[in-house]
Amino acid sequence: MAGDKRRVRGTKKTAVGGITFDSKREAERWGQLKFLEQGGEIRNLQRQVPVGLVGWGGPILTPTGRPMKAVIDFVYEDKRLNWATVYEDAKGHETDVSKMKRAILSAQGIEVVLS
């Protein structure tokens, strides 16, 4: 079908509370994180946060010349980590592209936790 994007490993978009998630796993993790936020264990919970990818010579560009970015599923501050910022992706299966982006982010000092 035209406009139909292929899903990674059979994931299905899931809507919960008026929010559409890329997978059931991501929707469930959002619910868990909202619960932790309400309980005061985490704060400043955000979802789908774009982070620019930067190399030695500046921003990494796509073939069309746009700055490349990674979209992190969840970003929040965790009380148990002395309010350190946590970057988290809900992934059942990592693709080669997601591995590459995580490696670039790691070189930038951003460690992405997989859930």
C-alpha atoms as a PDB file:
ATOM      1  CA  MET A   1       0.000   0.000   0.000  1.00  0.00           C
ATOM      2  CA  ALA A   2       1.155   3.519  -0.705  1.00  0.00           C
ATOM      3  CA  GLY A   3       2.297   5.410   2.380  1.00  0.00           C
ATOM      4  CA  ASP A   4       2.495   2.212   4.437  1.00  0.00           C
ATOM      5  CA  LYS A   5       5.794   2.041   6.333  1.00  0.00           C
ATOM      6  CA  ARG A   6       7.312  -1.337   7.129  1.00  0.00           C
ATOM      7  CA  ARG A   7       7.441  -2.116  10.840  1.00  0.00           C
ATOM      8  CA  VAL A   8      10.511  -3.546  12.563  1.00  0.00           C
ATOM      9  CA  ARG A   9      10.026  -7.200  13.488  1.00  0.00           C
ATOM     10  CA  GLY A  10       6.236  -7.051  13.288  1.00  0.00           C
ATOM     11  CA  THR A  11       5.673  -4.270  15.835  1.00  0.00           C
ATOM     12  CA  LYS A  12       2.251  -2.682  15.766  1.00  0.00           C
ATOM     13  CA  LYS A  13       1.382   0.898  16.556  1.00  0.00           C
ATOM     14  CA  THR A  14      -0.511   1.040  19.846  1.00  0.00           C
ATOM     15  CA  ALA A  15      -2.677   3.876  21.163  1.00  0.00           C
ATOM     16  CA  VAL A  16      -3.050   4.424  24.914  1.00  0.00           C
ATOM     17  CA  GLY A  17      -4.743   7.424  26.480  1.00  0.00           C
ATOM     18  CA  GLY A  18      -4.847   9.280  23.180  1.00  0.00           C
ATOM     19  CA  ILE A  19      -1.105   8.813  22.573  1.00  0.00           C
ATOM     20  CA  THR A  20       0.111   6.632  19.702  1.00  0.00           C
ATOM     21  CA  PHE A  21       3.236   4.564  20.328  1.00  0.00           C
ATOM     22  CA  ASP A  22       5.386   2.677  17.818  1.00  0.00           C
ATOM     23  CA  SER A  23       4.971  -0.601  19.717  1.00  0.00           C
ATOM     24  CA  LYS A  24       3.144  -2.280  22.575  1.00  0.00           C
ATOM     25  CA  ARG A  25       6.466  -2.471  24.458  1.00  0.00           C
ATOM     26  CA  GLU A  26       6.905   1.311  24.191  1.00  0.00           C
ATOM     27  CA  ALA A  27       3.317   1.942  25.354  1.00  0.00           C
ATOM     28  CA  GLU A  28       3.754  -0.345  28.375  1.00  0.00           C
ATOM     29  CA  ARG A  29       7.048   1.280  29.338  1.00  0.00           C
ATOM     30  CA  TRP A  30       5.438   4.740  29.095  1.00  0.00           C
ATOM     31  CA  GLY A  31       2.796   3.584  31.590  1.00  0.00           C
ATOM     32  CA  GLN A  32       5.488   2.328  33.975  1.00  0.00           C
ATOM     33  CA  LEU A  33       7.437   5.584  33.709  1.00  0.00           C
ATOM     34  CA  LYS A  34       4.297   7.701  34.267  1.00  0.00           C
ATOM     35  CA  PHE A  35       3.649   5.674  37.429  1.00  0.00           C
ATOM     36  CA  LEU A  36       7.229   6.318  38.627  1.00  0.00           C
ATOM     37  CA  GLU A  37       6.833  10.017  37.847  1.00  0.00           C
ATOM     38  CA  GLN A  38       3.606  10.223  39.854  1.00  0.00           C
ATOM     39  CA  GLY A  39       5.396   8.505  42.746  1.00  0.00           C
ATOM     40  CA  GLY A  40       8.256  11.018  42.660  1.00  0.00           C
ATOM     41  CA  GLU A  41      10.911   8.488  41.612  1.00  0.00           C
ATOM     42  CA  ILE A  42      11.543  10.250  38.284  1.00  0.00           C
ATOM     43  CA  ARG A  43      10.812  13.737  36.971  1.00  0.00           C
ATOM     44  CA  ASN A  44      10.735  15.726  33.715  1.00  0.00           C
ATOM     45  CA  LEU A  45       9.554  12.704  31.699  1.00  0.00           C
ATOM     46  CA  GLN A  46       9.587  13.355  27.948  1.00  0.00           C
ATOM     47  CA  ARG A  47       8.978  11.106  24.967  1.00  0.00           C
ATOM     48  CA  GLN A  48      10.260  11.100  21.393  1.00  0.00           C
ATOM     49  CA  VAL A  49      13.145  13.487  22.079  1.00  0.00           C
ATOM     50  CA  PRO A  50      15.301  14.313  19.013  1.00  0.00           C
ATOM     51  CA  VAL A  51      19.053  14.455  19.598  1.00  0.00           C
ATOM     52  CA  GLY A  52      21.410  15.643  16.858  1.00  0.00           C
ATOM     53  CA  LEU A  53      24.231  13.315  15.851  1.00  0.00           C
ATOM     54  CA  VAL A  54      27.646  14.988  15.799  1.00  0.00           C
ATOM     55  CA  GLY A  55      30.976  13.698  14.496  1.00  0.00           C
ATOM     56  CA  TRP A  56      34.491  15.121  14.537  1.00  0.00           C
ATOM     57  CA  GLY A  57      33.727  17.676  11.844  1.00  0.00           C
ATOM     58  CA  GLY A  58      30.368  18.812  13.214  1.00  0.00           C
ATOM     59  CA  PRO A  59      26.840  17.585  12.541  1.00  0.00           C
ATOM     60  CA  ILE A  60      26.521  14.304  10.650  1.00  0.00           C
ATOM     61  CA  LEU A  61      24.491  14.964   7.519  1.00  0.00           C
ATOM     62  CA  THR A  62      22.033  12.764   5.646  1.00  0.00           C
ATOM     63  CA  PRO A  63      22.577  12.232   1.899  1.00  0.00           C
ATOM     64  CA  THR A  64      20.183  15.162   1.324  1.00  0.00           C
ATOM     65  CA  GLY A  65      22.288  17.455   3.530  1.00  0.00           C
ATOM     66  CA  ARG A  66      20.034  17.581   6.594  1.00  0.00           C
ATOM     67  CA  PRO A  67      21.510  17.105  10.073  1.00  0.00           C
ATOM     68  CA  MET A  68      21.008  13.506  11.194  1.00  0.00           C
ATOM     69  CA  LYS A  69      19.279  12.825  14.490  1.00  0.00           C
ATOM     70  CA  ALA A  70      18.317   9.991  16.778  1.00  0.00           C
ATOM     71  CA  VAL A  71      14.866  10.075  18.351  1.00  0.00           C
ATOM     72  CA  ILE A  72      15.049   8.778  21.918  1.00  0.00           C
ATOM     73  CA  ASP A  73      11.828   7.155  23.170  1.00  0.00           C
ATOM     74  CA  PHE A  74      12.078   8.465  26.757  1.00  0.00           C
ATOM     75  CA  VAL A  75      14.218  11.018  28.571  1.00  0.00           C
ATOM     76  CA  TYR A  76      13.814  11.647  32.299  1.00  0.00           C
ATOM     77  CA  GLU A  77      15.688  12.429  35.500  1.00  0.00           C
ATOM     78  CA  ASP A  78      15.982   9.547  37.977  1.00  0.00           C
ATOM     79  CA  LYS A  79      15.969  10.141  41.752  1.00  0.00           C
ATOM     80  CA  ARG A  80      17.838   6.857  42.362  1.00  0.00           C
ATOM     81  CA  LEU A  81      20.687   8.232  40.223  1.00  0.00           C
ATOM     82  CA  ASN A  82      20.871  11.570  42.059  1.00  0.00           C
ATOM     83  CA  TRP A  83      18.578  13.100  39.410  1.00  0.00           C
ATOM     84  CA  ALA A  84      20.873  12.196  36.526  1.00  0.00           C
ATOM     85  CA  THR A  85      19.288  12.339  33.079  1.00  0.00           C
ATOM     86  CA  VAL A  86      18.392   8.924  31.639  1.00  0.00           C
ATOM     87  CA  TYR A  87      18.002   8.296  27.900  1.00  0.00           C
ATOM     88  CA  GLU A  88      15.951   5.162  27.239  1.00  0.00           C
ATOM     89  CA  ASP A  89      14.758   3.363  24.123  1.00  0.00           C
ATOM     90  CA  ALA A  90      12.098   0.661  24.191  1.00  0.00           C
ATOM     91  CA  LYS A  91      13.427  -1.920  21.750  1.00  0.00           C
ATOM     92  CA  GLY A  92      12.633  -5.565  21.283  1.00  0.00           C
ATOM     93  CA  HIS A  93      15.168  -5.877  18.483  1.00  0.00           C
ATOM     94  CA  GLU A  94      17.992  -3.533  17.574  1.00  0.00           C
ATOM     95  CA  THR A  95      18.575  -2.729  13.924  1.00  0.00           C
ATOM     96  CA  ASP A  96      21.966  -1.938  12.417  1.00  0.00           C
ATOM     97  CA  VAL A  97      20.900   1.723  12.165  1.00  0.00           C
ATOM     98  CA  SER A  98      19.857   1.895  15.831  1.00  0.00           C
ATOM     99  CA  LYS A  99      23.178   0.302  16.867  1.00  0.00           C
ATOM    100  CA  MET A 100      25.085   2.854  14.812  1.00  0.00           C
ATOM    101  CA  LYS A 101      23.125   5.782  16.271  1.00  0.00           C
ATOM    102  CA  ARG A 102      23.639   4.493  19.819  1.00  0.00           C
ATOM    103  CA  ALA A 103      27.388   4.231  19.160  1.00  0.00           C
ATOM    104  CA  ILE A 104      27.512   7.824  17.885  1.00  0.00           C
ATOM    105  CA  LEU A 105      25.498   9.035  20.877  1.00  0.00           C
ATOM    106  CA  SER A 106      27.870   7.153  23.185  1.00  0.00           C
ATOM    107  CA  ALA A 107      30.821   8.970  21.594  1.00  0.00           C
ATOM    108  CA  GLN A 108      28.922  12.205  22.340  1.00  0.00           C
ATOM    109  CA  GLY A 109      28.645  11.179  26.009  1.00  0.00           C
ATOM    110  CA  ILE A 110      25.009  10.068  25.849  1.00  0.00           C
ATOM    111  CA  GLU A 111      24.434   6.467  26.924  1.00  0.00           C
ATOM    112  CA  VAL A 112      21.072   5.110  25.786  1.00  0.00           C
ATOM    113  CA  VAL A 113      19.560   2.385  27.986  1.00  0.00           C
ATOM    114  CA  LEU A 114      17.466  -0.247  26.234  1.00  0.00           C
ATOM    115  CA  SER A 115      14.265  -1.445  27.855  1.00  0.00           C
END
